[in-house]
Amino acid sequence: MNFLELAKERYTTKKYNATEKLSRADIDQLKGILQLAPSSINSQPWHFTFVSDEEIKKQLAAASYFNAPKVLDSSHTIVFSALDTIEKFEQQIEENLPEGAVVYYRQYIKPLPEAEIKSWLQHQVYLALGFFLSACASLNIDSTSMEGIEKDKYKEILNLKDYQPLFAVTIGKRDFEDANQPQLKPKSRLSLNTIISEV
């Protein structure tokens, strides 16, 4: 299936089959894909927490507003977090990136106010999200991205140091009664002429 067809078939899963878990091979493949996710200057200011433990999922579900059933019924919940300590980020790039990338950061990013630097770091995590959702579709894995979480509670539950959770993604196999499936609820998108122009 080509990518356009995958995009037509992929949808935000609202209801999972709680009895069907993903294989270790699927999870390992998704971890490898996230390791290869793109980021500006290869900055990689992120951490991804794969949660399958049922007790921890219950705690996360209690901090997930209306998304709680997705967390509970999915095979795994992946929490996407951004580095929240600029000093640690700078140490990381000094140790791992080529000089040109570090010079770019020092010249164009470091002079910005702290809030803007952290925003830039968080934008990189969103790049990984798009990459991840597409990868799930290519592997016939259903997914739901969720910004509707209590971020500070997630951080406490997962005991994250120097990282701030931004959002989570539940993955698994859909319940075939899920009313949000494209064949039951056609996708609604703005027209091409509205969102795309050529010059």
Protein backbone atom coordinates (compact mmCIF):
# COMPACT_ATOMS: atom_id res chain seq x y z
CA MET A 1 0.00 0.00 0.00
CA ASN A 2 1.42 3.41 -0.92
CA PHE A 3 1.60 6.23 1.59
CA LEU A 4 -1.46 8.09 0.29
CA GLU A 5 -3.55 4.96 0.74
CA LEU A 6 -2.15 4.52 4.26
CA ALA A 7 -3.10 8.13 5.05
CA LYS A 8 -6.65 7.47 3.84
CA GLU A 9 -6.94 4.36 6.02
CA ARG A 10 -5.23 5.68 9.17
CA TYR A 11 -7.52 7.22 11.77
CA THR A 12 -7.56 8.24 15.43
CA THR A 13 -8.66 5.12 17.25
CA LYS A 14 -11.35 5.75 19.83
CA LYS A 15 -11.92 2.19 21.01
CA TYR A 16 -9.34 -0.61 21.37
CA ASN A 17 -9.60 -4.37 21.63
CA ALA A 18 -8.34 -4.74 25.20
CA THR A 19 -7.54 -8.45 24.79
CA GLU A 20 -5.23 -8.09 21.79
CA LYS A 21 -1.65 -7.07 22.65
CA LEU A 22 1.11 -6.10 20.26
CA SER A 23 4.02 -8.45 19.76
CA ARG A 24 7.50 -7.84 21.15
CA ALA A 25 8.70 -7.64 17.54
CA ASP A 26 6.26 -4.78 16.84
CA ILE A 27 7.33 -2.89 19.95
CA ASP A 28 11.02 -3.35 19.20
CA GLN A 29 10.46 -2.11 15.66
CA LEU A 30 8.64 1.00 16.92
CA LYS A 31 11.47 1.72 19.35
CA GLY A 32 13.96 1.51 16.50
CA ILE A 33 11.84 3.85 14.41
CA LEU A 34 11.69 6.44 17.21
CA GLN A 35 15.46 6.26 17.56
CA LEU A 36 15.65 7.34 13.91
CA ALA A 37 13.09 10.16 14.17
CA PRO A 38 14.14 13.47 12.59
CA SER A 39 14.88 16.64 14.56
CA SER A 40 16.44 20.02 13.84
CA ILE A 41 20.27 19.76 13.85
CA ASN A 42 19.71 16.15 15.00
CA SER A 43 19.09 17.61 18.45
CA GLN A 44 17.01 14.68 19.79
CA PRO A 45 15.82 16.48 22.97
CA TRP A 46 13.41 13.72 23.92
CA HIS A 47 12.55 10.64 25.89
CA PHE A 48 9.92 8.02 25.04
CA THR A 49 8.41 5.89 27.81
CA PHE A 50 6.68 2.68 26.70
CA VAL A 51 4.10 1.63 29.28
CA SER A 52 2.48 -1.80 29.27
CA ASP A 53 2.33 -2.47 33.02
CA GLU A 54 -1.36 -2.55 33.91
CA GLU A 55 -0.96 -0.87 37.29
CA ILE A 56 0.98 2.05 35.83
CA LYS A 57 -1.54 2.31 32.99
CA LYS A 58 -4.31 2.63 35.59
CA GLN A 59 -2.43 5.50 37.23
CA LEU A 60 -1.89 7.21 33.88
CA ALA A 61 -5.52 6.65 32.92
CA ALA A 62 -6.62 8.47 36.09
CA ALA A 63 -4.59 11.46 34.83
CA SER A 64 -5.90 11.32 31.27
CA TYR A 65 -9.33 12.97 31.42
CA PHE A 66 -11.67 11.52 28.77
CA ASN A 67 -8.76 9.54 27.27
CA ALA A 68 -8.73 7.10 30.20
CA PRO A 69 -10.45 4.20 28.34
CA LYS A 70 -7.88 4.39 25.54
CA VAL A 71 -5.00 4.12 28.01
CA LEU A 72 -6.62 1.20 29.82
CA ASP A 73 -7.64 -0.78 26.72
CA SER A 74 -4.65 -0.15 24.46
CA SER A 75 -1.72 -2.54 24.26
CA HIS A 76 0.79 0.17 25.18
CA THR A 77 0.84 3.85 26.03
CA ILE A 78 3.89 5.77 24.89
CA VAL A 79 4.66 9.03 26.69
CA PHE A 80 6.57 11.62 24.65
CA SER A 81 8.66 13.97 26.79
CA ALA A 82 11.00 16.87 26.05
CA LEU A 83 14.17 17.80 27.86
CA ASP A 84 13.20 20.48 30.35
CA THR A 85 16.72 21.40 31.47
CA ILE A 86 18.59 23.59 29.01
CA GLU A 87 21.93 22.86 30.67
CA LYS A 88 21.43 19.12 30.19
CA PHE A 89 20.44 19.66 26.56
CA GLU A 90 23.57 21.70 25.92
CA GLN A 91 25.71 19.01 27.54
CA GLN A 92 24.03 16.38 25.35
CA ILE A 93 24.69 18.18 22.08
CA GLU A 94 28.25 19.06 23.09
CA GLU A 95 28.92 15.34 23.62
CA ASN A 96 27.07 13.97 20.60
CA LEU A 97 26.73 16.47 17.76
CA PRO A 98 29.27 17.76 15.23
CA GLU A 99 30.68 21.22 15.73
CA GLY A 100 28.53 22.77 12.99
CA ALA A 101 25.31 21.74 14.72
CA VAL A 102 26.52 23.06 18.07
CA VAL A 103 27.56 26.37 16.46
CA TYR A 104 24.09 26.68 14.92
CA TYR A 105 22.49 26.18 18.33
CA ARG A 106 24.79 28.70 20.00
CA GLN A 107 24.23 31.30 17.29
CA TYR A 108 20.50 31.02 16.61
CA ILE A 109 18.81 29.23 19.52
CA LYS A 110 20.81 29.92 22.70
CA PRO A 111 20.33 33.74 22.55
CA LEU A 112 16.54 33.31 22.72
CA PRO A 113 14.60 33.65 25.99
CA GLU A 114 14.40 30.43 28.01
CA ALA A 115 10.72 29.91 27.17
CA GLU A 116 11.46 30.07 23.44
CA ILE A 117 14.36 27.61 23.74
CA LYS A 118 12.11 25.14 25.56
CA SER A 119 9.42 25.67 22.94
CA TRP A 120 11.97 24.84 20.23
CA LEU A 121 12.93 21.66 22.08
CA GLN A 122 9.28 20.66 22.33
CA HIS A 123 8.73 21.25 18.62
CA GLN A 124 11.29 18.54 17.91
CA VAL A 125 9.21 16.03 19.89
CA TYR A 126 6.20 16.86 17.72
CA LEU A 127 8.29 15.99 14.65
CA ALA A 128 8.84 12.56 16.22
CA LEU A 129 5.09 12.24 16.80
CA GLY A 130 4.26 12.60 13.10
CA PHE A 131 7.00 10.13 12.22
CA PHE A 132 5.68 7.67 14.81
CA LEU A 133 2.02 7.86 13.78
CA SER A 134 2.99 7.21 10.16
CA ALA A 135 5.14 4.27 11.22
CA CYS A 136 2.23 2.78 13.17
CA ALA A 137 0.03 3.01 10.08
CA SER A 138 2.67 1.29 7.97
CA LEU A 139 2.78 -1.59 10.49
CA ASN A 140 -1.02 -1.92 10.67
CA ILE A 141 -0.97 -0.72 14.28
CA ASP A 142 -3.79 1.52 15.43
CA SER A 143 -2.93 4.68 17.37
CA THR A 144 -4.32 7.69 19.20
CA SER A 145 -2.31 10.80 19.99
CA MET A 146 -3.44 12.50 23.19
CA GLU A 147 -2.61 15.96 24.44
CA GLY A 148 -5.45 15.58 26.95
CA ILE A 149 -3.29 14.42 29.85
CA GLU A 150 -2.24 15.88 33.20
CA LYS A 151 1.39 16.36 32.34
CA ASP A 152 2.75 16.95 35.82
CA LYS A 153 0.98 13.87 37.16
CA TYR A 154 2.40 11.80 34.29
CA LYS A 155 5.86 13.10 35.19
CA GLU A 156 5.39 12.08 38.82
CA ILE A 157 3.96 8.64 37.98
CA LEU A 158 6.83 7.86 35.61
CA ASN A 159 9.46 9.45 37.86
CA LEU A 160 10.88 11.48 34.99
CA LYS A 161 13.91 13.63 35.79
CA ASP A 162 14.84 16.59 33.56
CA TYR A 163 12.04 15.71 31.11
CA GLN A 164 8.53 17.14 30.78
CA PRO A 165 5.77 14.97 29.29
CA LEU A 166 4.04 16.69 26.39
CA PHE A 167 1.54 14.11 25.17
CA ALA A 168 0.96 10.38 24.95
CA VAL A 169 0.12 7.94 22.18
CA THR A 170 -1.89 4.80 22.76
CA ILE A 171 -1.27 1.92 20.37
CA GLY A 172 -2.84 -1.47 19.80
CA LYS A 173 -5.54 -3.11 17.72
CA ARG A 174 -8.89 -1.45 17.19
CA ASP A 175 -12.21 -2.76 18.40
CA PHE A 176 -14.06 -3.45 15.17
CA GLU A 177 -17.08 -1.70 16.62
CA ASP A 178 -15.10 1.54 16.88
CA ALA A 179 -17.45 4.10 15.29
CA ASN A 180 -14.55 6.37 14.29
CA GLN A 181 -13.23 4.03 11.58
CA PRO A 182 -13.09 5.70 8.14
CA GLN A 183 -15.44 3.15 6.59
CA LEU A 184 -18.03 4.04 9.27
CA LYS A 185 -17.27 7.73 9.69
CA PRO A 186 -15.69 9.26 6.57
CA LYS A 187 -12.77 11.59 7.19
CA SER A 188 -13.50 15.30 7.15
CA ARG A 189 -10.71 17.50 5.81
CA LEU A 190 -10.43 20.96 4.29
CA SER A 191 -10.22 21.00 0.49
CA LEU A 192 -6.84 20.92 -1.24
CA ASN A 193 -7.46 24.40 -2.69
CA THR A 194 -8.00 25.76 0.82
CA ILE A 195 -4.79 24.44 2.34
CA ILE A 196 -2.37 24.20 -0.61
CA SER A 197 -1.15 26.74 -3.13
CA GLU A 198 1.52 26.67 -5.81
CA VAL A 199 3.71 29.62 -6.78
